[in-house]
Amino acid sequence: MRSQAIDDIHPAFTRSTAEARPAPRGRGRIWTGRVLSGVASAFLLFDATMKLILLPPVVKATHEVGFPVSSVFGIGLTLFVCLAVYLVPRTALIGAVLLTGYLGGAIATNVRMAAPLFTHVLAPIYVAAFIWGGLYLRDPRVRALLAPRL
């Protein structure tokens, strides 16, 4: 006598067809996630590039918030590397964590300088929301990781 799976023994033990198939990946959700990630990435890439080429207004602004001029290139390189890690799908979660740390430093700097709340202090939070929101929408592993546990 051959061994039978539990699904073959009794219909009450079978899973419904909706449970048996994986949930469809919503195209709208994925594209919304890509757009959010793309907007945040474009902004951060622009910021990193301006720091890497040592654009005079960027160097001046960085010096005015209390950083030495010699650190501008290093800050831009750090941002560029964190962004590159974020843009690789396998390492996107690590990249999001690194970018969150980077943006936390921007928040701290703006708070220290008593910058305006909505335009300066909260701006990095807006970017972080795009980073995490985009990653959440386009990566099922992140949704599973951040899903509420009831």
N, C-alpha and C. Protein backbone atom coordinates (compact mmCIF):
# COMPACT_ATOMS: atom_id res chain seq x y z
N MET A 1 0.84 -1.17 0.00
CA MET A 1 0.00 0.00 0.00
C MET A 1 0.89 1.23 0.00
N ARG A 2 0.57 2.18 -0.87
CA ARG A 2 1.43 3.35 -0.97
C ARG A 2 1.03 4.39 0.06
N SER A 3 1.97 5.19 0.46
CA SER A 3 1.73 6.23 1.44
C SER A 3 0.95 7.37 0.78
N GLN A 4 -0.06 7.87 1.47
CA GLN A 4 -0.87 8.95 0.93
C GLN A 4 -0.62 10.24 1.70
N ALA A 5 -0.63 11.31 0.96
CA ALA A 5 -0.50 12.62 1.60
C ALA A 5 -1.79 12.94 2.32
N ILE A 6 -1.73 13.80 3.30
CA ILE A 6 -2.91 14.14 4.08
C ILE A 6 -3.99 14.76 3.20
N ASP A 7 -3.60 15.45 2.12
CA ASP A 7 -4.58 16.03 1.22
C ASP A 7 -5.42 14.95 0.53
N ASP A 8 -4.85 13.77 0.34
CA ASP A 8 -5.55 12.69 -0.33
C ASP A 8 -6.46 11.93 0.64
N ILE A 9 -6.23 12.03 1.92
CA ILE A 9 -6.97 11.26 2.89
C ILE A 9 -8.37 11.81 3.11
N HIS A 10 -8.47 13.10 3.36
CA HIS A 10 -9.77 13.67 3.67
C HIS A 10 -9.85 15.08 3.11
N PRO A 11 -10.96 15.42 2.43
CA PRO A 11 -11.07 16.75 1.83
C PRO A 11 -11.03 17.88 2.85
N ALA A 12 -11.39 17.63 4.09
CA ALA A 12 -11.37 18.69 5.10
C ALA A 12 -9.96 19.18 5.39
N PHE A 13 -8.98 18.33 5.10
CA PHE A 13 -7.59 18.69 5.39
C PHE A 13 -6.92 19.39 4.21
N THR A 14 -7.61 19.50 3.10
CA THR A 14 -6.99 20.13 1.93
C THR A 14 -7.04 21.64 2.08
N ARG A 15 -6.07 22.27 1.49
CA ARG A 15 -6.04 23.72 1.49
C ARG A 15 -6.87 24.21 0.32
N SER A 16 -7.47 25.35 0.47
CA SER A 16 -8.22 25.91 -0.64
C SER A 16 -7.25 26.30 -1.74
N THR A 17 -7.77 26.47 -2.94
CA THR A 17 -6.88 26.83 -4.05
C THR A 17 -6.25 28.19 -3.84
N ALA A 18 -6.94 29.09 -3.13
CA ALA A 18 -6.36 30.41 -2.86
C ALA A 18 -5.16 30.29 -1.93
N GLU A 19 -5.22 29.36 -0.98
CA GLU A 19 -4.10 29.18 -0.06
C GLU A 19 -2.96 28.42 -0.72
N ALA A 20 -3.29 27.55 -1.65
CA ALA A 20 -2.26 26.72 -2.27
C ALA A 20 -1.37 27.53 -3.20
N ARG A 21 -1.92 28.55 -3.82
CA ARG A 21 -1.14 29.38 -4.74
C ARG A 21 -0.54 30.54 -3.98
N PRO A 22 0.67 30.93 -4.32
CA PRO A 22 1.23 32.11 -3.67
C PRO A 22 0.45 33.35 -4.09
N ALA A 23 0.42 34.33 -3.20
CA ALA A 23 -0.30 35.57 -3.50
C ALA A 23 0.32 36.24 -4.71
N PRO A 24 -0.51 36.75 -5.61
CA PRO A 24 0.05 37.42 -6.78
C PRO A 24 0.78 38.69 -6.38
N ARG A 25 1.83 38.98 -7.10
CA ARG A 25 2.58 40.19 -6.83
C ARG A 25 1.90 41.32 -7.57
N GLY A 26 1.38 42.28 -6.85
CA GLY A 26 0.68 43.39 -7.46
C GLY A 26 1.62 44.27 -8.27
N ARG A 27 1.30 44.43 -9.54
CA ARG A 27 2.15 45.26 -10.41
C ARG A 27 2.14 46.70 -9.95
N GLY A 28 0.98 47.18 -9.51
CA GLY A 28 0.89 48.56 -9.04
C GLY A 28 1.75 48.79 -7.81
N ARG A 29 1.72 47.83 -6.90
CA ARG A 29 2.52 47.96 -5.68
C ARG A 29 4.01 47.97 -6.02
N ILE A 30 4.41 47.07 -6.90
CA ILE A 30 5.83 46.99 -7.26
C ILE A 30 6.28 48.27 -7.96
N TRP A 31 5.46 48.76 -8.89
CA TRP A 31 5.85 49.98 -9.61
C TRP A 31 5.83 51.20 -8.70
N THR A 32 4.90 51.26 -7.77
CA THR A 32 4.90 52.36 -6.80
C THR A 32 6.18 52.31 -5.97
N GLY A 33 6.57 51.11 -5.54
CA GLY A 33 7.81 50.95 -4.80
C GLY A 33 9.02 51.36 -5.61
N ARG A 34 9.04 51.00 -6.88
CA ARG A 34 10.16 51.39 -7.74
C ARG A 34 10.22 52.91 -7.91
N VAL A 35 9.07 53.54 -8.06
CA VAL A 35 9.04 55.00 -8.23
C VAL A 35 9.53 55.68 -6.95
N LEU A 36 9.03 55.23 -5.80
CA LEU A 36 9.47 55.82 -4.53
C LEU A 36 10.98 55.64 -4.35
N SER A 37 11.47 54.44 -4.60
CA SER A 37 12.90 54.17 -4.48
C SER A 37 13.69 55.00 -5.49
N GLY A 38 13.15 55.13 -6.69
CA GLY A 38 13.83 55.89 -7.74
C GLY A 38 13.95 57.36 -7.42
N VAL A 39 12.87 57.94 -6.89
CA VAL A 39 12.90 59.36 -6.53
C VAL A 39 13.93 59.60 -5.43
N ALA A 40 13.89 58.78 -4.40
CA ALA A 40 14.86 58.93 -3.30
C ALA A 40 16.28 58.71 -3.80
N SER A 41 16.47 57.70 -4.64
CA SER A 41 17.81 57.39 -5.16
C SER A 41 18.33 58.51 -6.05
N ALA A 42 17.46 59.07 -6.88
CA ALA A 42 17.89 60.17 -7.75
C ALA A 42 18.33 61.38 -6.92
N PHE A 43 17.56 61.68 -5.89
CA PHE A 43 17.93 62.80 -5.02
C PHE A 43 19.27 62.55 -4.34
N LEU A 44 19.44 61.35 -3.79
CA LEU A 44 20.68 61.03 -3.08
C LEU A 44 21.87 60.95 -4.03
N LEU A 45 21.66 60.44 -5.23
CA LEU A 45 22.74 60.40 -6.23
C LEU A 45 23.17 61.81 -6.61
N PHE A 46 22.20 62.69 -6.79
CA PHE A 46 22.52 64.09 -7.08
C PHE A 46 23.33 64.70 -5.95
N ASP A 47 22.89 64.47 -4.70
CA ASP A 47 23.59 65.01 -3.54
C ASP A 47 25.01 64.46 -3.45
N ALA A 48 25.15 63.15 -3.64
CA ALA A 48 26.49 62.54 -3.57
C ALA A 48 27.39 63.08 -4.68
N THR A 49 26.86 63.23 -5.88
CA THR A 49 27.66 63.73 -7.00
C THR A 49 28.14 65.15 -6.74
N MET A 50 27.28 66.00 -6.22
CA MET A 50 27.67 67.38 -5.92
C MET A 50 28.79 67.42 -4.87
N LYS A 51 28.76 66.49 -3.95
CA LYS A 51 29.81 66.44 -2.95
C LYS A 51 31.10 65.85 -3.53
N LEU A 52 30.97 64.85 -4.39
CA LEU A 52 32.15 64.22 -4.97
C LEU A 52 32.91 65.14 -5.93
N ILE A 53 32.18 65.99 -6.65
CA ILE A 53 32.87 66.92 -7.56
C ILE A 53 33.24 68.22 -6.86
N LEU A 54 32.95 68.28 -5.56
CA LEU A 54 33.29 69.43 -4.72
C LEU A 54 32.76 70.74 -5.29
N LEU A 55 31.49 70.74 -5.61
CA LEU A 55 30.82 71.93 -6.12
C LEU A 55 30.91 73.03 -5.06
N PRO A 56 31.41 74.23 -5.42
CA PRO A 56 31.65 75.28 -4.42
C PRO A 56 30.47 75.59 -3.49
N PRO A 57 29.21 75.71 -3.98
CA PRO A 57 28.13 75.99 -3.03
C PRO A 57 27.92 74.87 -2.01
N VAL A 58 28.16 73.64 -2.43
CA VAL A 58 28.00 72.49 -1.52
C VAL A 58 29.11 72.50 -0.48
N VAL A 59 30.33 72.78 -0.92
CA VAL A 59 31.46 72.85 0.01
C VAL A 59 31.22 73.97 1.03
N LYS A 60 30.75 75.11 0.53
CA LYS A 60 30.47 76.25 1.42
C LYS A 60 29.38 75.90 2.43
N ALA A 61 28.28 75.29 1.96
CA ALA A 61 27.18 74.93 2.86
C ALA A 61 27.62 73.91 3.90
N THR A 62 28.42 72.94 3.49
CA THR A 62 28.91 71.93 4.44
C THR A 62 29.80 72.57 5.49
N HIS A 63 30.64 73.50 5.07
CA HIS A 63 31.51 74.22 6.02
C HIS A 63 30.67 75.07 6.98
N GLU A 64 29.61 75.68 6.48
CA GLU A 64 28.77 76.54 7.31
C GLU A 64 28.02 75.77 8.40
N VAL A 65 27.77 74.48 8.17
CA VAL A 65 27.09 73.70 9.22
C VAL A 65 28.09 73.06 10.18
N GLY A 66 29.36 73.36 10.02
CA GLY A 66 30.34 72.95 11.01
C GLY A 66 31.27 71.82 10.63
N PHE A 67 31.23 71.36 9.40
CA PHE A 67 32.14 70.30 8.96
C PHE A 67 33.35 70.91 8.27
N PRO A 68 34.52 70.32 8.44
CA PRO A 68 35.68 70.84 7.72
C PRO A 68 35.53 70.60 6.21
N VAL A 69 36.08 71.50 5.44
CA VAL A 69 36.01 71.40 3.98
C VAL A 69 36.61 70.08 3.51
N SER A 70 37.62 69.59 4.19
CA SER A 70 38.28 68.34 3.79
C SER A 70 37.38 67.12 3.92
N SER A 71 36.26 67.23 4.61
CA SER A 71 35.38 66.08 4.81
C SER A 71 34.29 65.95 3.74
N VAL A 72 34.14 66.95 2.88
CA VAL A 72 33.04 66.95 1.91
C VAL A 72 33.14 65.75 0.97
N PHE A 73 34.32 65.49 0.43
CA PHE A 73 34.49 64.37 -0.50
C PHE A 73 34.18 63.04 0.20
N GLY A 74 34.66 62.87 1.43
CA GLY A 74 34.40 61.64 2.19
C GLY A 74 32.92 61.43 2.49
N ILE A 75 32.22 62.53 2.79
CA ILE A 75 30.79 62.43 3.03
C ILE A 75 30.08 62.00 1.75
N GLY A 76 30.47 62.60 0.63
CA GLY A 76 29.87 62.23 -0.66
C GLY A 76 30.16 60.79 -1.04
N LEU A 77 31.39 60.34 -0.78
CA LEU A 77 31.76 58.96 -1.09
C LEU A 77 30.98 57.98 -0.21
N THR A 78 30.82 58.32 1.05
CA THR A 78 30.04 57.48 1.97
C THR A 78 28.60 57.36 1.48
N LEU A 79 28.01 58.47 1.10
CA LEU A 79 26.64 58.46 0.59
C LEU A 79 26.55 57.63 -0.69
N PHE A 80 27.51 57.79 -1.57
CA PHE A 80 27.51 57.05 -2.83
C PHE A 80 27.59 55.54 -2.59
N VAL A 81 28.44 55.12 -1.69
CA VAL A 81 28.59 53.68 -1.39
C VAL A 81 27.31 53.14 -0.75
N CYS A 82 26.74 53.87 0.20
CA CYS A 82 25.49 53.43 0.82
C CYS A 82 24.38 53.31 -0.22
N LEU A 83 24.31 54.26 -1.13
CA LEU A 83 23.30 54.23 -2.18
C LEU A 83 23.52 53.05 -3.12
N ALA A 84 24.78 52.77 -3.46
CA ALA A 84 25.08 51.62 -4.32
C ALA A 84 24.64 50.32 -3.66
N VAL A 85 24.87 50.19 -2.37
CA VAL A 85 24.45 49.00 -1.64
C VAL A 85 22.92 48.90 -1.66
N TYR A 86 22.23 50.02 -1.53
CA TYR A 86 20.76 50.05 -1.56
C TYR A 86 20.23 49.65 -2.93
N LEU A 87 20.90 50.02 -3.98
CA LEU A 87 20.38 49.78 -5.33
C LEU A 87 20.57 48.34 -5.81
N VAL A 88 21.41 47.57 -5.14
CA VAL A 88 21.57 46.15 -5.49
C VAL A 88 20.48 45.37 -4.75
N PRO A 89 19.60 44.67 -5.48
CA PRO A 89 18.47 44.00 -4.83
C PRO A 89 18.85 43.08 -3.66
N ARG A 90 19.94 42.35 -3.77
CA ARG A 90 20.33 41.42 -2.69
C ARG A 90 20.76 42.12 -1.42
N THR A 91 21.26 43.35 -1.56
CA THR A 91 21.77 44.08 -0.40
C THR A 91 20.94 45.32 -0.08
N ALA A 92 19.75 45.42 -0.68
CA ALA A 92 18.93 46.63 -0.51
C ALA A 92 18.56 46.89 0.94
N LEU A 93 18.29 45.85 1.70
CA LEU A 93 17.92 46.03 3.11
C LEU A 93 19.08 46.63 3.89
N ILE A 94 20.27 46.12 3.69
CA ILE A 94 21.46 46.67 4.36
C ILE A 94 21.67 48.11 3.92
N GLY A 95 21.50 48.37 2.63
CA GLY A 95 21.64 49.73 2.11
C GLY A 95 20.65 50.68 2.74
N ALA A 96 19.41 50.23 2.93
CA ALA A 96 18.39 51.08 3.56
C ALA A 96 18.78 51.41 5.00
N VAL A 97 19.33 50.43 5.70
CA VAL A 97 19.78 50.68 7.08
C VAL A 97 20.94 51.68 7.08
N LEU A 98 21.90 51.50 6.17
CA LEU A 98 23.04 52.43 6.09
C LEU A 98 22.58 53.84 5.73
N LEU A 99 21.67 53.95 4.77
CA LEU A 99 21.16 55.27 4.38
C LEU A 99 20.38 55.92 5.52
N THR A 100 19.68 55.11 6.31
CA THR A 100 18.96 55.65 7.46
C THR A 100 19.94 56.25 8.46
N GLY A 101 21.06 55.58 8.67
CA GLY A 101 22.09 56.13 9.55
C GLY A 101 22.67 57.43 9.00
N TYR A 102 22.94 57.44 7.71
CA TYR A 102 23.46 58.65 7.05
C TYR A 102 22.47 59.81 7.22
N LEU A 103 21.21 59.53 6.96
CA LEU A 103 20.19 60.57 7.06
C LEU A 103 19.98 61.00 8.51
N GLY A 104 20.19 60.10 9.46
CA GLY A 104 20.14 60.46 10.87
C GLY A 104 21.20 61.49 11.22
N GLY A 105 22.37 61.35 10.61
CA GLY A 105 23.42 62.35 10.81
C GLY A 105 23.02 63.70 10.25
N ALA A 106 22.32 63.70 9.13
CA ALA A 106 21.83 64.96 8.56
C ALA A 106 20.80 65.60 9.48
N ILE A 107 19.94 64.79 10.06
CA ILE A 107 18.94 65.32 11.00
C ILE A 107 19.65 65.93 12.21
N ALA A 108 20.62 65.22 12.76
CA ALA A 108 21.34 65.71 13.93
C ALA A 108 22.05 67.03 13.63
N THR A 109 22.64 67.12 12.45
CA THR A 109 23.33 68.34 12.07
C THR A 109 22.35 69.51 11.97
N ASN A 110 21.19 69.27 11.35
CA ASN A 110 20.20 70.33 11.21
C ASN A 110 19.61 70.74 12.56
N VAL A 111 19.42 69.80 13.46
CA VAL A 111 18.93 70.13 14.80
C VAL A 111 19.96 70.97 15.54
N ARG A 112 21.22 70.57 15.43
CA ARG A 112 22.30 71.31 16.09
C ARG A 112 22.40 72.75 15.59
N MET A 113 22.10 72.93 14.30
CA MET A 113 22.19 74.27 13.70
C MET A 113 20.89 75.07 13.89
N ALA A 114 19.90 74.48 14.57
CA ALA A 114 18.59 75.12 14.77
C ALA A 114 17.97 75.52 13.44
N ALA A 115 18.06 74.62 12.48
CA ALA A 115 17.49 74.85 11.15
C ALA A 115 15.97 74.76 11.21
N PRO A 116 15.29 75.33 10.22
CA PRO A 116 13.81 75.25 10.20
C PRO A 116 13.34 73.79 10.20
N LEU A 117 12.28 73.52 10.93
CA LEU A 117 11.83 72.15 11.15
C LEU A 117 11.39 71.46 9.87
N PHE A 118 10.40 71.98 9.17
CA PHE A 118 9.80 71.26 8.05
C PHE A 118 10.67 71.22 6.81
N THR A 119 11.47 72.25 6.58
CA THR A 119 12.27 72.29 5.36
C THR A 119 13.65 71.68 5.51
N HIS A 120 14.20 71.66 6.70
CA HIS A 120 15.56 71.17 6.88
C HIS A 120 15.64 69.94 7.79
N VAL A 121 15.08 70.06 8.99
CA VAL A 121 15.20 68.98 9.97
C VAL A 121 14.44 67.73 9.51
N LEU A 122 13.24 67.91 8.99
CA LEU A 122 12.42 66.76 8.60
C LEU A 122 12.69 66.28 7.17
N ALA A 123 13.41 67.03 6.37
CA ALA A 123 13.68 66.63 4.98
C ALA A 123 14.35 65.25 4.89
N PRO A 124 15.35 64.94 5.73
CA PRO A 124 15.92 63.59 5.67
C PRO A 124 14.91 62.49 6.05
N ILE A 125 13.95 62.82 6.89
CA ILE A 125 12.92 61.85 7.25
C ILE A 125 12.02 61.58 6.06
N TYR A 126 11.74 62.61 5.28
CA TYR A 126 10.94 62.42 4.07
C TYR A 126 11.67 61.48 3.10
N VAL A 127 12.97 61.70 2.94
CA VAL A 127 13.76 60.84 2.04
C VAL A 127 13.79 59.41 2.58
N ALA A 128 13.98 59.26 3.88
CA ALA A 128 14.00 57.92 4.48
C ALA A 128 12.66 57.22 4.31
N ALA A 129 11.56 57.97 4.37
CA ALA A 129 10.23 57.38 4.16
C ALA A 129 10.11 56.85 2.74
N PHE A 130 10.66 57.56 1.77
CA PHE A 130 10.66 57.09 0.39
C PHE A 130 11.52 55.85 0.24
N ILE A 131 12.68 55.85 0.90
CA ILE A 131 13.59 54.69 0.83
C ILE A 131 12.91 53.45 1.39
N TRP A 132 12.39 53.55 2.61
CA TRP A 132 11.77 52.39 3.26
C TRP A 132 10.43 52.04 2.64
N GLY A 133 9.66 53.04 2.27
CA GLY A 133 8.37 52.77 1.63
C GLY A 133 8.55 52.05 0.30
N GLY A 134 9.51 52.52 -0.49
CA GLY A 134 9.79 51.88 -1.76
C GLY A 134 10.28 50.46 -1.59
N LEU A 135 11.16 50.25 -0.64
CA LEU A 135 11.68 48.91 -0.39
C LEU A 135 10.57 47.99 0.13
N TYR A 136 9.73 48.50 1.01
CA TYR A 136 8.62 47.71 1.55
C TYR A 136 7.68 47.26 0.44
N LEU A 137 7.37 48.15 -0.47
CA LEU A 137 6.42 47.84 -1.53
C LEU A 137 6.98 46.89 -2.59
N ARG A 138 8.28 46.96 -2.84
CA ARG A 138 8.83 46.15 -3.93
C ARG A 138 9.51 44.87 -3.49
N ASP A 139 9.70 44.66 -2.20
CA ASP A 139 10.43 43.48 -1.74
C ASP A 139 9.59 42.69 -0.72
N PRO A 140 9.12 41.49 -1.11
CA PRO A 140 8.29 40.71 -0.18
C PRO A 140 9.03 40.29 1.09
N ARG A 141 10.35 40.17 1.01
CA ARG A 141 11.12 39.79 2.21
C ARG A 141 11.06 40.89 3.26
N VAL A 142 11.09 42.14 2.81
CA VAL A 142 11.01 43.26 3.75
C VAL A 142 9.60 43.35 4.33
N ARG A 143 8.58 43.11 3.50
CA ARG A 143 7.21 43.10 4.01
C ARG A 143 7.05 42.02 5.08
N ALA A 144 7.63 40.86 4.84
CA ALA A 144 7.55 39.77 5.83
C ALA A 144 8.30 40.15 7.10
N LEU A 145 9.43 40.81 6.94
CA LEU A 145 10.24 41.21 8.10
C LEU A 145 9.54 42.27 8.94
N LEU A 146 8.88 43.20 8.28
CA LEU A 146 8.25 44.31 8.98
C LEU A 146 6.76 44.12 9.25
N ALA A 147 6.23 42.96 8.87
CA ALA A 147 4.80 42.70 9.07
C ALA A 147 4.48 42.68 10.56
N PRO A 148 3.33 43.25 10.93
CA PRO A 148 2.96 43.22 12.34
C PRO A 148 2.67 41.79 12.80
N ARG A 149 3.13 41.46 13.96
CA ARG A 149 2.90 40.13 14.54
C ARG A 149 1.74 40.24 15.52
N LEU A 150 0.68 39.51 15.24
CA LEU A 150 -0.50 39.60 16.12
C LEU A 150 -0.56 38.43 17.06
